[in-house]
Amino acid sequence: MISLRAIAYKTAKKGLMKPVFCANVTLLKGVENDIFGRPGKRQVTVMTELQWKLACNEISADLDWLTRRANILIDDYQFSAADVGKVITIGNDVSLLITGETDPCKKMEISHPGLEQALTPDWRGGVTCKVLSEGLIQIEDLVTISNK
């Protein structure tokens, strides 16, 4: 079973990620208080603990997941191109449409040498999502990934 491991948001464009135990996810704001949560294909970003660890192992570093600057961290899954169009359901209410891959950027390289390249293969950087249904999510909520 997949579960929600962590939630975070940023309030400023180059600001630090702020981890939270729970958050509202809305159609208009994505993860509550996130500066980039406006409606669109990249409203919420999701990554997996498994793929993050693969990237960190590749560069021999034990980095906090917040370094990636994603909104949501789940466990026990590996994203791929086959996931585009699938729906991530978190808890009882929140549904996110997977719209594409979250491409690693230069900020990753600035955070740690080699991190950008380590996140590039096999969708390790996670996925971008659009909010389909809103609600409250919290750490340890069950997560499902299914076809629409």
Protein backbone atom coordinates (compact mmCIF):
# COMPACT_ATOMS: atom_id res chain seq x y z
CA MET A 1 0.00 0.00 0.00
CA ILE A 2 1.15 3.47 -0.87
CA SER A 3 0.97 6.18 1.78
CA LEU A 4 1.52 9.92 2.05
CA ARG A 5 4.91 10.48 3.70
CA ALA A 6 5.23 14.28 3.71
CA ILE A 7 3.67 17.58 2.59
CA ALA A 8 5.33 20.95 1.97
CA TYR A 9 4.76 24.30 0.29
CA LYS A 10 6.64 27.51 -0.39
CA THR A 11 5.30 31.03 0.10
CA ALA A 12 7.96 32.86 -1.93
CA LYS A 13 9.37 32.11 -5.39
CA LYS A 14 12.88 31.31 -4.15
CA GLY A 15 11.80 30.64 -0.57
CA LEU A 16 12.36 27.60 1.58
CA MET A 17 9.91 24.71 1.60
CA LYS A 18 7.72 24.61 4.71
CA PRO A 19 6.82 21.08 5.82
CA VAL A 20 3.38 20.53 7.40
CA PHE A 21 1.54 17.57 8.92
CA CYS A 22 -1.67 18.32 7.03
CA ALA A 23 -2.87 20.73 4.35
CA ASN A 24 -5.94 21.67 2.38
CA VAL A 25 -5.64 21.03 -1.33
CA THR A 26 -7.96 23.23 -3.41
CA LEU A 27 -8.91 23.71 -7.05
CA LEU A 28 -7.75 27.33 -6.94
CA LYS A 29 -4.61 27.15 -4.80
CA GLY A 30 -3.22 23.60 -5.02
CA VAL A 31 -1.52 22.85 -1.69
CA GLU A 32 -2.76 25.59 0.61
CA ASN A 33 -0.40 28.61 0.80
CA ASP A 34 1.87 27.41 -2.04
CA ILE A 35 2.95 30.26 -4.29
CA PHE A 36 2.75 28.09 -7.42
CA GLY A 37 -0.59 26.42 -6.68
CA ARG A 38 -2.68 28.31 -9.23
CA PRO A 39 -4.80 26.24 -11.64
CA GLY A 40 -2.93 24.55 -14.47
CA LYS A 41 -0.96 21.46 -15.40
CA ARG A 42 1.70 22.07 -12.74
CA GLN A 43 -0.51 22.92 -9.77
CA VAL A 44 0.90 20.29 -7.40
CA THR A 45 4.15 18.31 -7.62
CA VAL A 46 4.45 14.77 -6.29
CA MET A 47 7.56 12.63 -5.89
CA THR A 48 8.28 9.23 -4.41
CA GLU A 49 10.53 8.38 -1.52
CA LEU A 50 11.86 5.42 -3.49
CA GLN A 51 12.93 7.52 -6.48
CA TRP A 52 14.38 10.24 -4.23
CA LYS A 53 16.54 7.64 -2.47
CA LEU A 54 17.74 6.28 -5.83
CA ALA A 55 18.86 9.76 -6.85
CA CYS A 56 20.57 10.38 -3.50
CA ASN A 57 22.33 7.01 -3.62
CA GLU A 58 23.63 7.83 -7.09
CA ILE A 59 25.40 10.93 -5.76
CA SER A 60 26.31 9.35 -2.38
CA ALA A 61 24.35 11.95 -0.42
CA ASP A 62 21.71 11.76 2.29
CA LEU A 63 19.63 14.82 1.40
CA ASP A 64 16.33 15.88 2.91
CA TRP A 65 13.42 15.41 0.48
CA LEU A 66 12.66 19.14 0.79
CA THR A 67 15.76 19.77 -1.32
CA ARG A 68 13.67 18.61 -4.32
CA ARG A 69 11.09 21.36 -3.67
CA ALA A 70 8.09 19.09 -4.35
CA ASN A 71 4.74 19.48 -2.56
CA ILE A 72 3.97 15.86 -1.78
CA LEU A 73 6.11 12.82 -0.99
CA ILE A 74 4.66 9.32 -1.26
CA ASP A 75 6.29 5.92 -0.72
CA ASP A 76 6.41 2.57 -2.55
CA TYR A 77 5.94 3.73 -6.14
CA GLN A 78 8.01 4.59 -9.22
CA PHE A 79 6.58 7.14 -11.64
CA SER A 80 7.03 6.72 -15.40
CA ALA A 81 5.63 8.09 -18.66
CA ALA A 82 2.86 5.47 -18.41
CA ASP A 83 1.42 7.40 -15.44
CA VAL A 84 0.44 10.52 -17.44
CA GLY A 85 -3.35 10.71 -17.38
CA LYS A 86 -3.68 8.58 -14.25
CA VAL A 87 -5.25 9.91 -11.05
CA ILE A 88 -3.57 10.04 -7.66
CA THR A 89 -6.13 9.83 -4.85
CA ILE A 90 -4.98 10.87 -1.38
CA GLY A 91 -7.18 10.02 1.59
CA ASN A 92 -10.90 10.11 0.93
CA ASP A 93 -11.30 13.34 -0.99
CA VAL A 94 -8.27 14.65 -2.90
CA SER A 95 -7.72 13.61 -6.52
CA LEU A 96 -4.83 14.80 -8.67
CA LEU A 97 -4.50 14.26 -12.43
CA ILE A 98 -0.93 13.42 -13.46
CA THR A 99 -0.10 15.83 -16.28
CA GLY A 100 3.61 15.21 -16.85
CA GLU A 101 7.11 14.84 -15.50
CA THR A 102 8.66 17.35 -13.10
CA ASP A 103 11.91 18.16 -14.84
CA PRO A 104 14.84 18.79 -12.52
CA CYS A 105 16.27 22.30 -12.77
CA LYS A 106 19.51 24.12 -12.01
CA LYS A 107 18.35 24.68 -8.41
CA MET A 108 18.99 20.98 -7.84
CA GLU A 109 22.58 21.34 -9.02
CA ILE A 110 23.06 24.37 -6.77
CA SER A 111 21.70 22.34 -3.82
CA HIS A 112 24.15 19.49 -4.41
CA PRO A 113 26.57 18.70 -7.24
CA GLY A 114 25.20 15.94 -9.46
CA LEU A 115 21.64 16.08 -8.10
CA GLU A 116 20.08 17.50 -11.27
CA GLN A 117 21.54 14.69 -13.36
CA ALA A 118 20.65 12.03 -10.75
CA LEU A 119 16.99 13.14 -10.86
CA THR A 120 16.77 13.11 -14.66
CA PRO A 121 16.42 9.38 -15.52
CA ASP A 122 13.27 7.33 -14.96
CA TRP A 123 11.10 10.24 -13.77
CA ARG A 124 12.98 10.43 -10.45
CA GLY A 125 12.09 14.12 -10.18
CA GLY A 126 8.42 13.24 -9.78
CA VAL A 127 5.26 14.34 -11.55
CA THR A 128 3.21 17.47 -12.10
CA CYS A 129 -0.49 17.35 -11.30
CA LYS A 130 -3.73 19.27 -11.65
CA VAL A 131 -6.23 19.20 -8.78
CA LEU A 132 -9.47 17.41 -9.72
CA SER A 133 -11.11 17.31 -6.28
CA GLU A 134 -10.21 19.17 -3.12
CA GLY A 135 -10.00 18.31 0.55
CA LEU A 136 -7.70 17.87 3.53
CA ILE A 137 -4.67 15.59 3.32
CA GLN A 138 -2.43 14.48 6.15
CA ILE A 139 0.67 12.38 6.61
CA GLU A 140 -0.04 8.62 6.53
CA ASP A 141 -3.17 9.01 4.35
CA LEU A 142 -3.54 6.13 1.94
CA VAL A 143 -2.68 6.86 -1.70
CA THR A 144 -3.94 5.12 -4.82
CA ILE A 145 -2.85 5.65 -8.40
CA SER A 146 -5.34 4.52 -11.03
CA ASN A 147 -6.63 5.10 -14.54
CA LYS A 148 -9.26 7.83 -14.82
